[in-house]
Protein backbone atom coordinates (compact mmCIF):
# COMPACT_ATOMS: atom_id res chain seq x y z
CA UNK A 1 -21.20 -6.30 92.57
CA UNK A 2 -24.26 -6.68 90.34
CA UNK A 3 -25.16 -3.01 90.57
CA UNK A 4 -21.67 -2.03 89.96
CA UNK A 5 -21.38 -4.34 87.04
CA UNK A 6 -24.67 -3.03 85.58
CA UNK A 7 -23.50 0.52 85.82
CA UNK A 8 -20.32 -0.41 84.07
CA UNK A 9 -22.25 -2.05 81.28
CA UNK A 10 -24.59 0.91 80.90
CA UNK A 11 -21.69 3.32 80.58
CA UNK A 12 -20.18 1.09 77.98
CA UNK A 13 -23.39 1.09 76.03
CA UNK A 14 -23.56 4.86 76.11
CA UNK A 15 -20.00 5.22 75.02
CA UNK A 16 -20.49 2.67 72.23
CA UNK A 17 -23.68 4.45 71.06
CA UNK A 18 -21.78 7.79 71.07
CA UNK A 19 -18.95 6.34 69.04
CA UNK A 20 -21.37 4.78 66.52
CA UNK A 21 -23.12 8.14 66.23
CA UNK A 22 -19.87 9.93 65.57
CA UNK A 23 -18.85 7.29 63.03
CA UNK A 24 -22.18 7.57 61.20
CA UNK A 25 -21.90 11.34 61.12
CA UNK A 26 -18.42 11.19 59.75
CA UNK A 27 -19.41 8.59 57.19
CA UNK A 28 -22.37 10.72 56.13
CA UNK A 29 -20.16 13.77 55.73
CA UNK A 30 -17.68 11.77 53.70
CA UNK A 31 -20.45 10.49 51.40
CA UNK A 32 -21.78 14.03 50.95
CA UNK A 33 -18.23 15.24 50.11
CA UNK A 34 -17.68 12.46 47.56
CA UNK A 35 -21.06 13.04 45.87
CA UNK A 36 -20.49 16.79 45.77
CA UNK A 37 -17.01 16.33 44.29
CA UNK A 38 -18.36 13.98 41.59
CA UNK A 39 -21.17 16.43 40.78
CA UNK A 40 -18.81 19.37 40.32
CA UNK A 41 -16.34 17.18 38.29
CA UNK A 42 -19.20 16.16 36.06
CA UNK A 43 -20.38 19.79 35.72
CA UNK A 44 -16.84 20.86 34.85
CA UNK A 45 -16.61 18.26 32.06
CA UNK A 46 -19.90 19.48 30.56
CA UNK A 47 -18.85 23.12 30.70
CA UNK A 48 -15.40 22.63 29.24
CA UNK A 49 -16.13 19.85 26.77
CA UNK A 50 -16.89 22.14 23.77
CA UNK A 51 -13.69 24.13 24.47
CA UNK A 52 -11.55 20.96 24.72
CA UNK A 53 -13.10 19.62 21.55
CA UNK A 54 -12.44 22.82 19.68
CA UNK A 55 -8.77 22.79 20.61
CA UNK A 56 -8.44 19.15 19.59
CA UNK A 57 -10.05 19.77 16.26
CA UNK A 58 -7.86 22.77 15.47
CA UNK A 59 -4.73 20.83 16.43
CA UNK A 60 -5.77 17.94 14.24
CA UNK A 61 -6.38 20.22 11.20
CA UNK A 62 -2.93 21.82 11.50
CA UNK A 63 -1.27 18.47 11.97
CA UNK A 64 -2.99 17.09 8.82
CA UNK A 65 -2.67 20.11 6.43
CA UNK A 66 0.30 22.12 7.53
CA UNK A 67 3.77 21.28 6.14
CA UNK A 68 6.68 23.20 7.58
CA UNK A 69 8.78 24.09 4.56
CA UNK A 70 11.05 27.09 3.80
CA UNK A 71 9.90 27.50 0.21
CA UNK A 72 7.74 30.56 -0.53
CA UNK A 73 5.85 28.60 -3.16
CA UNK A 74 5.12 24.92 -3.62
CA UNK A 75 2.70 22.40 -5.02
CA UNK A 76 2.20 18.67 -5.19
CA UNK A 77 0.36 17.26 -8.21
CA UNK A 78 -0.84 13.71 -8.86
CA UNK A 79 0.92 12.75 -12.09
CA UNK A 80 -1.90 10.44 -13.32
CA UNK A 81 -4.88 12.77 -12.70
CA UNK A 82 -3.22 16.19 -12.48
CA UNK A 83 -5.07 16.74 -9.27
CA UNK A 84 -3.50 19.22 -6.88
CA UNK A 85 -3.00 17.51 -3.52
CA UNK A 86 -1.30 20.37 -1.63
CA UNK A 87 -0.18 23.88 -2.52
CA UNK A 88 1.37 27.04 -1.05
CA UNK A 89 1.19 30.23 -3.12
CA UNK A 90 1.13 28.01 -6.17
CA UNK A 91 -0.41 30.67 -8.43
CA UNK A 92 2.05 33.45 -7.52
CA UNK A 93 4.85 34.19 -9.95
CA UNK A 94 8.45 33.43 -9.05
CA UNK A 95 11.82 33.13 -10.73
CA UNK A 96 12.22 29.47 -11.85
CA UNK A 97 15.99 29.41 -12.35
CA UNK A 98 17.14 26.28 -14.26
CA UNK A 99 13.79 24.51 -14.02
CA UNK A 100 13.23 26.58 -17.16
CA UNK A 101 15.29 23.95 -19.01
CA UNK A 102 12.44 21.42 -18.80
CA UNK A 103 10.43 23.48 -21.33
CA UNK A 104 13.57 24.15 -23.41
CA UNK A 105 14.35 20.48 -23.61
CA UNK A 106 10.81 19.30 -24.62
CA UNK A 107 10.48 21.95 -27.32
CA UNK A 108 13.89 20.92 -28.70
CA UNK A 109 13.02 17.20 -28.70
CA UNK A 110 9.81 17.89 -30.52
CA UNK A 111 11.51 20.06 -33.18
CA UNK A 112 14.72 18.12 -33.85
CA UNK A 113 14.27 15.18 -36.24
CA UNK A 114 17.79 13.69 -35.66
CA UNK A 115 19.37 14.16 -32.28
CA UNK A 116 22.44 12.24 -33.28
CA UNK A 117 23.44 15.00 -35.65
CA UNK A 118 26.70 16.76 -34.79
CA UNK A 119 26.77 20.54 -34.58
CA UNK A 120 29.37 23.28 -34.01
CA UNK A 121 29.11 25.65 -31.02
CA UNK A 122 28.61 29.21 -32.16
CA UNK A 123 30.26 32.28 -30.58
CA UNK A 124 27.09 33.24 -28.72
CA UNK A 125 26.88 29.79 -27.18
CA UNK A 126 30.53 29.63 -26.20
CA UNK A 127 31.96 30.31 -22.70
CA UNK A 128 31.16 29.01 -19.24
CA UNK A 129 28.10 31.16 -18.45
CA UNK A 130 27.85 29.95 -14.82
CA UNK A 131 28.17 26.30 -15.93
CA UNK A 132 30.46 23.51 -14.74
CA UNK A 133 32.59 23.59 -17.93
CA UNK A 134 32.93 25.90 -20.85
CA UNK A 135 32.20 25.59 -24.54
CA UNK A 136 34.58 26.92 -27.12
CA UNK A 137 33.60 28.37 -30.46
CA UNK A 138 33.72 25.60 -33.04
CA UNK A 139 33.43 22.66 -30.54
CA UNK A 140 31.82 19.65 -32.05
CA UNK A 141 28.95 17.96 -30.11
CA UNK A 142 25.80 16.02 -30.93
CA UNK A 143 22.45 17.46 -30.27
CA UNK A 144 21.67 14.60 -27.97
CA UNK A 145 24.72 15.38 -25.82
CA UNK A 146 23.66 19.04 -25.74
CA UNK A 147 20.29 17.84 -24.42
CA UNK A 148 22.03 15.71 -21.74
CA UNK A 149 24.30 18.57 -20.73
CA UNK A 150 21.25 20.85 -20.34
CA UNK A 151 19.13 18.44 -18.28
CA UNK A 152 21.73 16.43 -16.28
CA UNK A 153 24.45 18.94 -15.44
CA UNK A 154 22.36 22.07 -16.15
CA UNK A 155 24.73 23.60 -18.73
CA UNK A 156 23.46 27.08 -19.56
CA UNK A 157 25.05 27.43 -22.96
CA UNK A 158 23.88 24.00 -24.13
CA UNK A 159 20.32 25.37 -24.20
CA UNK A 160 21.43 28.30 -26.34
CA UNK A 161 23.10 25.89 -28.85
CA UNK A 162 19.88 23.86 -29.02
CA UNK A 163 17.84 27.01 -29.58
CA UNK A 164 20.05 28.24 -32.31
CA UNK A 165 19.86 24.92 -34.13
CA UNK A 166 16.01 24.83 -34.02
CA UNK A 167 15.15 28.52 -34.57
CA UNK A 168 18.29 30.29 -35.63
CA UNK A 169 18.51 32.34 -32.47
CA UNK A 170 17.53 32.14 -28.79
CA UNK A 171 14.82 34.85 -28.81
CA UNK A 172 12.96 33.13 -31.65
CA UNK A 173 13.17 29.76 -29.84
CA UNK A 174 11.84 31.42 -26.66
CA UNK A 175 8.76 32.41 -28.62
CA UNK A 176 8.17 28.70 -29.28
CA UNK A 177 8.59 27.95 -25.61
CA UNK A 178 6.03 30.54 -24.50
CA UNK A 179 3.57 29.31 -27.11
CA UNK A 180 4.07 25.77 -25.89
CA UNK A 181 3.48 26.89 -22.27
CA UNK A 182 0.22 28.54 -23.17
CA UNK A 183 -0.90 25.46 -25.17
CA UNK A 184 -0.26 23.28 -22.15
CA UNK A 185 -2.31 25.51 -19.86
CA UNK A 186 0.64 27.15 -18.10
CA UNK A 187 -0.90 30.62 -18.65
CA UNK A 188 1.12 32.40 -15.96
CA UNK A 189 4.46 31.51 -17.54
CA UNK A 190 6.56 34.02 -19.43
CA UNK A 191 10.16 33.09 -20.30
CA UNK A 192 12.74 35.43 -21.72
CA UNK A 193 15.58 32.94 -22.19
CA UNK A 194 16.25 29.22 -22.44
CA UNK A 195 18.25 28.62 -19.30
CA UNK A 196 16.59 30.56 -16.49
CA UNK A 197 19.37 33.09 -15.72
CA UNK A 198 17.47 36.15 -14.40
CA UNK A 199 20.02 38.89 -13.74
CA UNK A 200 19.13 40.65 -16.96
CA UNK A 201 15.71 39.20 -17.33
CA UNK A 202 13.39 40.52 -14.52
CA UNK A 203 10.21 39.29 -16.16
CA UNK A 204 11.39 35.71 -16.61
CA UNK A 205 8.83 34.20 -14.20
CA UNK A 206 6.38 31.30 -13.75
CA UNK A 207 4.33 29.67 -11.01
CA UNK A 208 4.73 26.44 -9.12
CA UNK A 209 1.44 25.12 -10.62
CA UNK A 210 2.55 25.98 -14.16
CA UNK A 211 5.88 24.14 -13.60
CA UNK A 212 3.88 21.11 -12.46
CA UNK A 213 1.82 21.27 -15.62
CA UNK A 214 4.92 21.53 -17.81
CA UNK A 215 6.68 18.72 -15.93
CA UNK A 216 3.63 16.48 -16.28
CA UNK A 217 3.71 16.92 -20.02
CA UNK A 218 7.48 16.52 -20.35
CA UNK A 219 7.52 13.25 -18.44
CA UNK A 220 5.22 11.63 -20.94
CA UNK A 221 8.16 11.78 -23.41
CA UNK A 222 10.32 8.71 -22.98
CA UNK A 223 13.57 10.30 -23.92
CA UNK A 224 13.04 13.21 -21.59
CA UNK A 225 12.07 10.92 -18.71
CA UNK A 226 15.12 8.74 -19.35
CA UNK A 227 17.55 11.69 -19.32
CA UNK A 228 16.22 13.35 -16.18
CA UNK A 229 16.35 10.03 -14.26
CA UNK A 230 20.04 9.48 -15.15
CA UNK A 231 22.43 9.88 -12.25
CA UNK A 232 25.65 9.84 -14.31
CA UNK A 233 26.44 9.82 -18.05
CA UNK A 234 29.13 10.67 -20.54
CA UNK A 235 29.02 13.23 -23.33
CA UNK A 236 31.56 13.78 -26.12
CA UNK A 237 33.09 17.14 -27.21
CA UNK A 238 35.63 17.02 -30.03
CA UNK A 239 36.12 13.31 -29.46
CA UNK A 240 36.89 13.94 -25.78
CA UNK A 241 34.66 12.15 -23.32
CA UNK A 242 33.38 14.17 -20.37
CA UNK A 243 31.59 12.52 -17.39
CA UNK A 244 28.65 14.50 -16.05
CA UNK A 245 26.71 13.98 -12.74
CA UNK A 246 23.10 14.94 -12.22
CA UNK A 247 22.59 17.99 -10.09
CA UNK A 248 19.51 16.35 -8.62
CA UNK A 249 20.94 14.57 -5.59
CA UNK A 250 17.45 13.20 -4.72
CA UNK A 251 17.97 10.60 -7.44
CA UNK A 252 19.79 8.62 -4.77
CA UNK A 253 16.48 8.04 -3.18
CA UNK A 254 15.11 5.09 -5.04
CA UNK A 255 11.62 6.52 -5.45
CA UNK A 256 12.75 9.86 -6.99
CA UNK A 257 12.88 9.72 -10.74
CA UNK A 258 13.76 13.23 -11.84
CA UNK A 259 13.12 16.10 -12.80
CA UNK A 260 15.11 19.41 -12.60
CA UNK A 261 16.98 21.57 -10.08
CA UNK A 262 17.55 25.32 -10.16
CA UNK A 263 19.21 28.15 -8.25
CA UNK A 264 19.94 31.79 -8.58
CA UNK A 265 20.25 34.57 -6.06
CA UNK A 266 16.89 35.95 -7.17
CA UNK A 267 15.08 32.58 -7.47
CA UNK A 268 16.44 30.89 -4.41
CA UNK A 269 16.45 27.12 -4.24
CA UNK A 270 14.14 25.56 -6.92
CA UNK A 271 13.42 21.88 -7.46
CA UNK A 272 10.86 20.02 -9.57
CA UNK A 273 10.76 16.34 -8.54
CA UNK A 274 8.94 13.26 -9.76
CA UNK A 275 8.40 10.34 -7.37
CA UNK A 276 6.96 6.92 -7.55
CA UNK A 277 6.08 5.49 -4.15
CA UNK A 278 3.30 3.42 -2.64
CA UNK A 279 1.40 3.50 -5.92
CA UNK A 280 1.45 7.22 -5.94
CA UNK A 281 3.12 9.06 -8.81
CA UNK A 282 3.75 12.63 -7.68
CA UNK A 283 5.11 15.84 -9.17
CA UNK A 284 6.36 18.28 -6.58
CA UNK A 285 7.59 21.80 -7.15
CA UNK A 286 9.62 23.99 -4.80
CA UNK A 287 10.30 27.66 -5.52
CA UNK A 288 12.32 30.18 -3.55
CA UNK A 289 13.48 27.82 -0.90
CA UNK A 290 16.16 28.70 1.60
CA UNK A 291 19.66 27.88 0.52
CA UNK A 292 20.40 24.13 0.88
CA UNK A 293 16.76 23.37 1.88
CA UNK A 294 15.13 22.61 -1.44
CA UNK A 295 15.75 18.89 -1.14
CA UNK A 296 14.47 18.71 2.47
CA UNK A 297 11.41 20.65 1.50
CA UNK A 298 10.75 18.22 -1.39
CA UNK A 299 11.05 15.18 0.84
CA UNK A 300 8.61 16.71 3.34
CA UNK A 301 6.02 17.30 0.61
CA UNK A 302 6.26 13.72 -0.78
CA UNK A 303 6.18 12.16 2.70
CA UNK A 304 3.11 14.15 3.74
CA UNK A 305 1.19 13.17 0.58
CA UNK A 306 2.10 9.52 1.01
CA UNK A 307 0.92 9.56 4.65
CA UNK A 308 -2.38 11.26 3.84
CA UNK A 309 -3.35 9.95 0.40
CA UNK A 310 -3.66 6.56 -1.22
CA UNK A 311 -4.74 5.03 -4.49
CA UNK A 312 -7.58 2.70 -3.50
CA UNK A 313 -9.47 0.18 -5.59
CA UNK A 314 -12.87 1.07 -4.17
CA UNK A 315 -14.76 -1.39 -6.44
CA UNK A 316 -13.27 -4.65 -7.56
CA UNK A 317 -15.00 -6.33 -10.54
CA UNK A 318 -13.44 -9.67 -9.62
CA UNK A 319 -15.01 -9.72 -6.16
CA UNK A 320 -18.62 -10.57 -5.33
CA UNK A 321 -20.51 -7.41 -4.59
CA UNK A 322 -23.59 -9.10 -3.10
CA UNK A 323 -25.52 -12.37 -3.09
CA UNK A 324 -29.29 -12.00 -3.20
CA UNK A 325 -32.20 -14.39 -3.13
CA UNK A 326 -34.82 -15.11 -5.75
CA UNK A 327 -37.97 -16.09 -3.93
CA UNK A 328 -41.23 -17.29 -5.55
CA UNK A 329 -44.34 -15.65 -4.14
CA UNK A 330 -48.05 -16.59 -4.78
CA UNK A 331 -50.74 -14.08 -5.80
CA UNK A 332 -54.18 -14.31 -7.38
CA UNK A 333 -52.83 -15.05 -10.88
CA UNK A 334 -49.98 -17.45 -10.20
CA UNK A 335 -49.10 -20.54 -8.18
CA UNK A 336 -45.66 -21.41 -6.96
CA UNK A 337 -43.95 -24.15 -5.09
CA UNK A 338 -41.71 -22.70 -2.42
CA UNK A 339 -38.21 -22.18 -3.90
CA UNK A 340 -35.20 -19.84 -3.32
CA UNK A 341 -32.24 -19.42 -5.53
CA UNK A 342 -29.02 -17.50 -4.91
CA UNK A 343 -27.99 -14.88 -7.50
CA UNK A 344 -24.42 -13.65 -7.27
CA UNK A 345 -23.83 -10.07 -8.34
CA UNK A 346 -20.54 -8.37 -9.49
CA UNK A 347 -19.64 -4.84 -10.42
CA UNK A 348 -19.16 -4.53 -14.19
CA UNK A 349 -15.80 -2.78 -13.89
CA UNK A 350 -13.13 -1.67 -11.36
CA UNK A 351 -13.09 1.74 -9.82
CA UNK A 352 -9.81 3.08 -8.52
CA UNK A 353 -9.45 6.52 -7.06
CA UNK A 354 -6.84 8.70 -5.37
CA UNK A 355 -8.40 9.56 -2.04
CA UNK A 356 -7.43 11.31 1.18
CA UNK A 357 -7.39 8.83 4.03
CA UNK A 358 -9.99 10.94 5.89
CA UNK A 359 -12.41 10.98 2.93
CA UNK A 360 -15.86 9.40 3.53
CA UNK A 361 -16.70 6.76 0.88
CA UNK A 362 -20.25 5.64 0.38
CA UNK A 363 -21.61 3.03 -2.15
CA UNK A 364 -25.30 2.91 -2.90
CA UNK A 365 -26.94 0.31 -5.13
CA UNK A 366 -30.09 0.63 -7.17
CA UNK A 367 -31.52 -2.52 -8.70
CA UNK A 368 -35.22 -1.80 -9.00
CA UNK A 369 -35.03 1.16 -11.35
CA UNK A 370 -33.06 -0.51 -14.08
CA UNK A 371 -34.56 -3.97 -14.16
CA UNK A 372 -36.95 -5.03 -17.02
CA UNK A 373 -40.24 -5.14 -15.13
CA UNK A 374 -43.03 -7.45 -16.33
CA UNK A 375 -46.36 -6.38 -14.69
CA UNK A 376 -47.74 -9.91 -14.84
CA UNK A 377 -44.61 -11.49 -13.35
CA UNK A 378 -44.47 -12.43 -9.74
CA UNK A 379 -40.74 -13.08 -9.29
CA UNK A 380 -39.03 -11.04 -6.67
CA UNK A 381 -35.39 -10.47 -5.80
CA UNK A 382 -35.22 -10.18 -2.10
CA UNK A 383 -32.26 -8.86 -0.17
CA UNK A 384 -33.04 -10.52 3.09
CA UNK A 385 -30.33 -8.64 4.98
CA UNK A 386 -31.94 -5.32 4.10
CA UNK A 387 -35.52 -6.45 3.58
CA UNK A 388 -35.86 -4.92 0.14
CA UNK A 389 -37.73 -6.62 -2.72
CA UNK A 390 -37.04 -6.02 -6.42
CA UNK A 391 -39.30 -7.23 -9.29
CA UNK A 392 -37.63 -8.67 -12.33
CA UNK A 393 -38.22 -11.36 -14.96
CA UNK A 394 -36.64 -14.81 -15.16
CA UNK A 395 -34.52 -16.11 -16.80
CA UNK A 396 -31.36 -14.22 -15.90
CA UNK A 397 -28.44 -14.40 -18.30
CA UNK A 398 -24.76 -14.43 -17.28
CA UNK A 399 -23.34 -10.84 -17.23
CA UNK A 400 -26.86 -9.39 -17.60
CA UNK A 401 -27.18 -5.90 -16.07
CA UNK A 402 -29.16 -6.21 -12.91
CA UNK A 403 -28.70 -2.72 -11.49
CA UNK A 404 -26.15 -0.03 -10.78
CA UNK A 405 -23.80 1.26 -8.12
CA UNK A 406 -23.49 4.94 -7.27
CA UNK A 407 -20.20 5.86 -5.67
CA UNK A 408 -19.87 8.98 -3.44
CA UNK A 409 -16.86 10.52 -1.84
CA UNK A 410 -17.62 13.19 0.72
CA UNK A 411 -21.22 13.24 -0.51
CA UNK A 412 -20.18 13.99 -4.14
CA UNK A 413 -21.06 11.46 -6.80
CA UNK A 414 -17.92 10.11 -8.49
CA UNK A 415 -19.04 7.22 -10.67
CA UNK A 416 -21.90 5.05 -11.77
CA UNK A 417 -21.12 1.36 -12.31
CA UNK A 418 -23.48 -1.34 -13.64
CA UNK A 419 -24.21 -4.43 -11.48
CA UNK A 420 -24.16 -7.62 -13.47
CA UNK A 421 -25.17 -11.21 -12.75
CA UNK A 422 -22.37 -13.70 -12.24
CA UNK A 423 -24.35 -16.65 -13.65
CA UNK A 424 -27.33 -17.75 -15.69
CA UNK A 425 -30.56 -18.73 -13.90
CA UNK A 426 -33.45 -20.38 -15.71
CA UNK A 427 -37.04 -20.58 -14.50
CA UNK A 428 -37.26 -23.14 -11.71
CA UNK A 429 -39.01 -26.40 -12.66
CA UNK A 430 -41.07 -25.96 -9.52
CA UNK A 431 -42.41 -22.79 -11.06
CA UNK A 432 -45.90 -22.87 -12.57
CA UNK A 433 -47.34 -19.74 -14.19
CA UNK A 434 -51.00 -19.56 -14.95
CA UNK A 435 -51.91 -18.06 -18.27
CA UNK A 436 -53.35 -14.54 -18.03
CA UNK A 437 -56.53 -15.76 -19.76
CA UNK A 438 -57.16 -18.30 -17.07
CA UNK A 439 -59.90 -17.11 -14.76
CA UNK A 440 -59.75 -17.08 -10.95
CA UNK A 441 -62.91 -19.23 -10.81
CA UNK A 442 -61.27 -21.90 -12.95
CA UNK A 443 -58.31 -21.99 -10.58
CA UNK A 444 -60.68 -22.37 -7.60
CA UNK A 445 -62.51 -25.29 -9.36
CA UNK A 446 -59.19 -27.06 -9.94
CA UNK A 447 -58.16 -26.66 -6.32
CA UNK A 448 -61.54 -27.83 -5.04
CA UNK A 449 -61.39 -30.99 -7.22
CA UNK A 450 -57.87 -31.80 -5.98
CA UNK A 451 -58.96 -31.46 -2.34
CA UNK A 452 -62.10 -33.50 -2.97
CA UNK A 453 -59.98 -36.20 -4.64
CA UNK A 454 -57.61 -36.39 -1.67
CA UNK A 455 -60.54 -36.55 0.79
CA UNK A 456 -62.08 -39.52 -1.07
CA UNK A 457 -58.76 -41.40 -0.98
CA UNK A 458 -58.44 -40.73 2.73
CA UNK A 459 -62.04 -41.89 3.28
CA UNK A 460 -61.41 -45.15 1.46
CA UNK A 461 -58.17 -45.83 3.43
CA UNK A 462 -59.91 -45.17 6.73
CA UNK A 463 -62.91 -47.37 5.83
CA UNK A 464 -60.67 -50.27 4.88
CA UNK A 465 -58.81 -50.05 8.18
CA UNK A 466 -62.12 -50.07 10.07
CA UNK A 467 -63.38 -53.12 8.23
CA UNK A 468 -60.17 -55.05 8.84
CA UNK A 469 -60.29 -54.30 12.57
CA UNK A 470 -63.92 -55.50 12.74
CA UNK A 471 -63.15 -58.77 11.01
CA UNK A 472 -60.28 -59.43 13.45
């Protein structure tokens, strides 16, 4: 029984050992497989990382800068700075259709002293001429109503009547228009009539950028701006009131404030728009858009700019720029009691800038180079956060220029702003300056005498204590 039992036990041990060995081998193989898999995965990431990054960067660029519009030419200009924020073929010449009337209107406004004067429609200005209603020869209408008819309902003969009043004939008035365009910097503009009809005028062309320049100028005139922002109005012809509705349907969007629509078969859909949204005042121009798409194209442009740009107050003169420390330091010519005073610094003025949200903004300050340095002074302004010391002279007056800020956007310097103190600081009472004529040896003698004096006092006190203890 014992032998038999021992044999059984031995077999069990052998089997157990074999199983353990198989298990260890399988575990080892599994570990090797896992490690190799991780190694090749890591290697794959290293090899394909540049490729993946390149695809990501390209996709980002297209998402940020590509706007899917049907217009062959377009531009978005910041109204306040005239900065071009986005463009597509903006310097190529296209037919402008009725956007021509912006220039017609502003030249008329600037050359008519009394817009309330009533005039008679001439034979050359009569008829419908692709407009919503016709003029008849001899019709009576004020110059202001002619202006409204031209800008609000885009009446083609209203512009001819205005031209004849100012210059005697349309061709002579067109000369004034082209001179005005050139004066404004719209050098690629050449108009042949006042209304933009191009069937018989193949050279009547301009560019999206020129129209933005013209619109920017026109919108600075209060009367022009008021008329182009009007949704509905009433004009009077021969004592008969006629209601007119603006052809610019985008005025139904609260942030669209004008300017002018246009369409001909040659020009396609044209639209110059002015928007005020999110503190951005924009002029957008659409030329040769697909039929019925000019409004959608305009909205896309305005939306894209509002998503990618913002007017930021980069520097706020009402906010503390930095608080620094005035620390007194001892050298061989001066003696100080330890004292530190806070000095609050402000920018001298605000700085607001239209920036792209991906722009890199950097502000650098320079205090040392502009402070009045006194070679014998030992006052130091210390920025303890940055470990920089600046030499200057006390006292500091309120609003005194302490330094300057240099502002950079994408590594390009934009502005230089003075840094001023937010308070007055006098010399601390704990501050003792030795006269330059005082010698170092005299200072040492004074110090020695003071030390000797204190030692004598201490000696006397100790001696008295010893005597008292002896007597007791």
